[in-house]
């Protein structure tokens, strides 16, 4: 299931605005419906595979955006 959402919380991205014209406010995270229930809950965590996929996504984004 794919669900696009906006990050509406205050994140560290706001401190990057003075040094970058491109600040991305999204996280490509993969959660099942059950896993999404624990966000901001007790024992909040993410699976290592999901974390690795997120890192791989950002690595590809940086590599392809650099020109």
C-alpha atoms as a PDB file:
ATOM      1  CA  UNK A   1       0.000   0.000   0.000  1.00  0.00           C
ATOM      2  CA  UNK A   2       1.318   3.455  -0.891  1.00  0.00           C
ATOM      3  CA  UNK A   3       0.142   6.440   1.084  1.00  0.00           C
ATOM      4  CA  UNK A   4       1.553   9.879   0.366  1.00  0.00           C
ATOM      5  CA  UNK A   5       1.629  12.053   3.440  1.00  0.00           C
ATOM      6  CA  UNK A   6       3.043  15.423   4.360  1.00  0.00           C
ATOM      7  CA  UNK A   7       5.411  15.941   7.243  1.00  0.00           C
ATOM      8  CA  UNK A   8       3.621  18.579   9.307  1.00  0.00           C
ATOM      9  CA  UNK A   9       5.823  18.375  12.374  1.00  0.00           C
ATOM     10  CA  UNK A  10       8.712  20.685  13.119  1.00  0.00           C
ATOM     11  CA  UNK A  11      11.796  18.903  11.779  1.00  0.00           C
ATOM     12  CA  UNK A  12      15.470  19.716  11.387  1.00  0.00           C
ATOM     13  CA  UNK A  13      14.773  20.638   7.775  1.00  0.00           C
ATOM     14  CA  UNK A  14      13.848  24.174   8.824  1.00  0.00           C
ATOM     15  CA  UNK A  15      17.433  24.768   9.989  1.00  0.00           C
ATOM     16  CA  UNK A  16      18.680  23.883   6.480  1.00  0.00           C
ATOM     17  CA  UNK A  17      16.676  26.577   4.662  1.00  0.00           C
ATOM     18  CA  UNK A  18      19.420  29.240   5.045  1.00  0.00           C
ATOM     19  CA  UNK A  19      22.042  26.966   3.438  1.00  0.00           C
ATOM     20  CA  UNK A  20      20.072  25.185   0.713  1.00  0.00           C
ATOM     21  CA  UNK A  21      17.525  26.104  -1.921  1.00  0.00           C
ATOM     22  CA  UNK A  22      16.295  22.494  -2.003  1.00  0.00           C
ATOM     23  CA  UNK A  23      14.980  21.108   1.273  1.00  0.00           C
ATOM     24  CA  UNK A  24      12.962  17.915   0.942  1.00  0.00           C
ATOM     25  CA  UNK A  25      10.309  17.315   3.576  1.00  0.00           C
ATOM     26  CA  UNK A  26       9.378  13.707   3.025  1.00  0.00           C
ATOM     27  CA  UNK A  27      10.553  10.323   4.151  1.00  0.00           C
ATOM     28  CA  UNK A  28      10.147   7.304   1.875  1.00  0.00           C
ATOM     29  CA  UNK A  29       9.210   4.850   4.603  1.00  0.00           C
ATOM     30  CA  UNK A  30       7.559   1.476   4.112  1.00  0.00           C
ATOM     31  CA  UNK A  31       5.157   0.371   6.845  1.00  0.00           C
ATOM     32  CA  UNK A  32       2.403  -2.175   7.037  1.00  0.00           C
ATOM     33  CA  UNK A  33      -0.886  -0.995   8.491  1.00  0.00           C
ATOM     34  CA  UNK A  34       0.031  -2.688  11.776  1.00  0.00           C
ATOM     35  CA  UNK A  35       3.471  -1.019  11.847  1.00  0.00           C
ATOM     36  CA  UNK A  36       1.995   2.415  11.175  1.00  0.00           C
ATOM     37  CA  UNK A  37      -0.001   2.192  14.415  1.00  0.00           C
ATOM     38  CA  UNK A  38       3.194   2.346  16.494  1.00  0.00           C
ATOM     39  CA  UNK A  39       4.383   5.681  15.037  1.00  0.00           C
ATOM     40  CA  UNK A  40       4.915   8.058  17.971  1.00  0.00           C
ATOM     41  CA  UNK A  41       3.805   5.280  20.302  1.00  0.00           C
ATOM     42  CA  UNK A  42       5.428   3.079  22.897  1.00  0.00           C
ATOM     43  CA  UNK A  43       8.513   1.324  21.526  1.00  0.00           C
ATOM     44  CA  UNK A  44       8.461   3.264  18.251  1.00  0.00           C
ATOM     45  CA  UNK A  45      10.782   1.617  15.715  1.00  0.00           C
ATOM     46  CA  UNK A  46      11.156   0.614  12.100  1.00  0.00           C
ATOM     47  CA  UNK A  47      12.346  -2.584  10.491  1.00  0.00           C
ATOM     48  CA  UNK A  48      15.987  -2.670   9.388  1.00  0.00           C
ATOM     49  CA  UNK A  49      14.904  -3.483   5.806  1.00  0.00           C
ATOM     50  CA  UNK A  50      12.685  -0.378   5.723  1.00  0.00           C
ATOM     51  CA  UNK A  51      15.509   1.749   7.107  1.00  0.00           C
ATOM     52  CA  UNK A  52      17.937   0.392   4.490  1.00  0.00           C
ATOM     53  CA  UNK A  53      15.459   1.084   1.677  1.00  0.00           C
ATOM     54  CA  UNK A  54      15.069   4.657   2.904  1.00  0.00           C
ATOM     55  CA  UNK A  55      18.860   5.135   2.958  1.00  0.00           C
ATOM     56  CA  UNK A  56      19.151   3.637  -0.541  1.00  0.00           C
ATOM     57  CA  UNK A  57      16.439   6.006  -1.786  1.00  0.00           C
ATOM     58  CA  UNK A  58      18.251   9.080  -0.480  1.00  0.00           C
ATOM     59  CA  UNK A  59      21.596   7.845  -1.843  1.00  0.00           C
ATOM     60  CA  UNK A  60      20.036   7.482  -5.311  1.00  0.00           C
ATOM     61  CA  UNK A  61      18.333  10.889  -4.988  1.00  0.00           C
ATOM     62  CA  UNK A  62      21.633  12.580  -4.132  1.00  0.00           C
ATOM     63  CA  UNK A  63      23.571  10.723  -6.836  1.00  0.00           C
ATOM     64  CA  UNK A  64      21.087  11.550  -9.587  1.00  0.00           C
ATOM     65  CA  UNK A  65      20.514  15.150  -8.463  1.00  0.00           C
ATOM     66  CA  UNK A  66      24.208  16.005  -8.424  1.00  0.00           C
ATOM     67  CA  UNK A  67      24.328  16.086 -12.214  1.00  0.00           C
END
